[in-house]
C-alpha atoms as a PDB file:
ATOM      1  CA  MET A   1      30.258 115.863  72.739  1.00  0.00           C
ATOM      2  CA  ASN A   2      30.329 112.533  70.948  1.00  0.00           C
ATOM      3  CA  SER A   3      29.887 112.501  67.217  1.00  0.00           C
ATOM      4  CA  LEU A   4      26.753 111.028  65.701  1.00  0.00           C
ATOM      5  CA  ILE A   5      28.832 108.109  64.418  1.00  0.00           C
ATOM      6  CA  GLU A   6      30.109 107.306  67.904  1.00  0.00           C
ATOM      7  CA  ARG A   7      26.603 107.610  69.363  1.00  0.00           C
ATOM      8  CA  LEU A   8      25.158 105.237  66.754  1.00  0.00           C
ATOM      9  CA  LYS A   9      27.871 102.663  67.458  1.00  0.00           C
ATOM     10  CA  LYS A  10      27.393 103.019  71.228  1.00  0.00           C
ATOM     11  CA  ARG A  11      23.620 102.611  70.901  1.00  0.00           C
ATOM     12  CA  ALA A  12      24.137  99.428  68.848  1.00  0.00           C
ATOM     13  CA  GLU A  13      26.572  98.143  71.491  1.00  0.00           C
ATOM     14  CA  ILE A  14      24.113  98.863  74.305  1.00  0.00           C
ATOM     15  CA  ARG A  15      21.239  97.169  72.457  1.00  0.00           C
ATOM     16  CA  ARG A  16      23.428  94.105  71.793  1.00  0.00           C
ATOM     17  CA  SER A  17      24.256  93.817  75.487  1.00  0.00           C
ATOM     18  CA  ILE A  18      20.558  93.283  76.283  1.00  0.00           C
ATOM     19  CA  PRO A  19      19.781  89.545  76.198  1.00  0.00           C
ATOM     20  CA  ARG A  20      17.269  88.662  73.498  1.00  0.00           C
ATOM     21  CA  GLY A  21      16.085  85.415  72.025  1.00  0.00           C
ATOM     22  CA  GLU A  22      16.946  86.490  68.484  1.00  0.00           C
ATOM     23  CA  PRO A  23      19.421  88.811  66.722  1.00  0.00           C
ATOM     24  CA  ASP A  24      18.695  92.511  67.141  1.00  0.00           C
ATOM     25  CA  ARG A  25      18.172  93.931  63.644  1.00  0.00           C
ATOM     26  CA  ILE A  26      17.979  97.486  64.982  1.00  0.00           C
ATOM     27  CA  SER A  27      21.509  97.124  66.379  1.00  0.00           C
ATOM     28  CA  ASP A  28      22.676  95.925  62.982  1.00  0.00           C
ATOM     29  CA  ILE A  29      21.011  98.879  61.260  1.00  0.00           C
ATOM     30  CA  LEU A  30      22.459 101.365  63.756  1.00  0.00           C
ATOM     31  CA  GLU A  31      25.952 100.003  63.193  1.00  0.00           C
ATOM     32  CA  GLU A  32      25.467  99.925  59.416  1.00  0.00           C
ATOM     33  CA  ALA A  33      24.291 103.545  59.495  1.00  0.00           C
ATOM     34  CA  ALA A  34      27.369 104.545  61.510  1.00  0.00           C
ATOM     35  CA  ILE A  35      29.678 102.833  59.003  1.00  0.00           C
ATOM     36  CA  GLU A  36      27.970 104.435  55.990  1.00  0.00           C
ATOM     37  CA  LEU A  37      27.927 107.864  57.616  1.00  0.00           C
ATOM     38  CA  ASP A  38      31.635 107.527  58.395  1.00  0.00           C
ATOM     39  CA  LYS A  39      32.319 106.687  54.718  1.00  0.00           C
ATOM     40  CA  TYR A  40      30.319 109.706  53.556  1.00  0.00           C
ATOM     41  CA  MET A  41      32.084 111.999  56.004  1.00  0.00           C
ATOM     42  CA  LYS A  42      35.505 110.822  54.788  1.00  0.00           C
ATOM     43  CA  THR A  43      34.432 111.237  51.160  1.00  0.00           C
ATOM     44  CA  ALA A  44      33.157 114.756  51.860  1.00  0.00           C
ATOM     45  CA  SER A  45      36.425 115.604  53.595  1.00  0.00           C
ATOM     46  CA  ASN A  46      38.462 114.245  50.674  1.00  0.00           C
ATOM     47  CA  LEU A  47      36.330 116.217  48.227  1.00  0.00           C
ATOM     48  CA  GLY A  48      36.872 119.375  50.253  1.00  0.00           C
ATOM     49  CA  ILE A  49      40.627 118.839  50.161  1.00  0.00           C
ATOM     50  CA  ARG A  50      40.505 118.204  46.395  1.00  0.00           C
ATOM     51  CA  VAL A  51      38.483 121.386  45.840  1.00  0.00           C
ATOM     52  CA  MET A  52      41.129 123.381  47.717  1.00  0.00           C
ATOM     53  CA  GLN A  53      43.877 121.787  45.592  1.00  0.00           C
ATOM     54  CA  LEU A  54      42.010 122.622  42.391  1.00  0.00           C
ATOM     55  CA  GLU A  55      41.446 126.201  43.548  1.00  0.00           C
ATOM     56  CA  ALA A  56      45.179 126.575  44.204  1.00  0.00           C
ATOM     57  CA  GLU A  57      45.994 125.128  40.764  1.00  0.00           C
ATOM     58  CA  ASN A  58      43.447 127.478  39.200  1.00  0.00           C
ATOM     59  CA  ASP A  59      45.026 130.483  40.944  1.00  0.00           C
ATOM     60  CA  LYS A  60      48.461 129.469  39.647  1.00  0.00           C
ATOM     61  CA  LEU A  61      47.131 129.039  36.104  1.00  0.00           C
ATOM     62  CA  ARG A  62      45.487 132.464  36.242  1.00  0.00           C
ATOM     63  CA  THR A  63      48.772 133.997  37.366  1.00  0.00           C
ATOM     64  CA  ASP A  64      50.678 132.160  34.626  1.00  0.00           C
ATOM     65  CA  ASN A  65      48.139 133.315  32.032  1.00  0.00           C
ATOM     66  CA  ARG A  66      48.361 136.913  33.212  1.00  0.00           C
ATOM     67  CA  ILE A  67      52.160 136.824  32.934  1.00  0.00           C
ATOM     68  CA  LEU A  68      51.967 135.319  29.438  1.00  0.00           C
ATOM     69  CA  LEU A  69      49.463 137.957  28.324  1.00  0.00           C
ATOM     70  CA  GLU A  70      51.713 140.721  29.646  1.00  0.00           C
ATOM     71  CA  GLU A  71      54.674 139.227  27.761  1.00  0.00           C
ATOM     72  CA  VAL A  72      52.639 138.984  24.535  1.00  0.00           C
ATOM     73  CA  ALA A  73      51.431 142.569  24.944  1.00  0.00           C
ATOM     74  CA  ALA A  74      55.017 143.780  25.448  1.00  0.00           C
ATOM     75  CA  TYR A  75      56.152 141.832  22.398  1.00  0.00           C
ATOM     76  CA  LEU A  76      53.331 143.292  20.286  1.00  0.00           C
ATOM     77  CA  ARG A  77      54.189 146.830  21.433  1.00  0.00           C
ATOM     78  CA  GLU A  78      57.793 146.280  20.368  1.00  0.00           C
ATOM     79  CA  TYR A  79      56.697 144.758  17.073  1.00  0.00           C
ATOM     80  CA  LYS A  80      54.383 147.729  16.411  1.00  0.00           C
ATOM     81  CA  LYS A  81      57.307 150.086  16.987  1.00  0.00           C
ATOM     82  CA  THR A  82      59.266 148.295  14.256  1.00  0.00           C
ATOM     83  CA  LEU A  83      56.314 148.623  11.865  1.00  0.00           C
ATOM     84  CA  ASP A  84      55.906 152.324  12.627  1.00  0.00           C
ATOM     85  CA  LYS A  85      59.517 153.107  11.576  1.00  0.00           C
END
């Protein structure tokens, strides 16, 4: 099945092939809509990719934080032992 973008462009092409005495504004609008929709689709795709990258970075930071907290807890346990002596 053709995408909506392809169908809009094809419809504009078909309308332009029909002889008219003046420019076909509907063809222009159809093509403009296809171009804008294509831009929005690419932007949405890029945003989706960026969200996945940020989620991966967030996961790594959470892991790093957990490791640091475990190291601090171990250090504090050892320090407490020295105070208890």
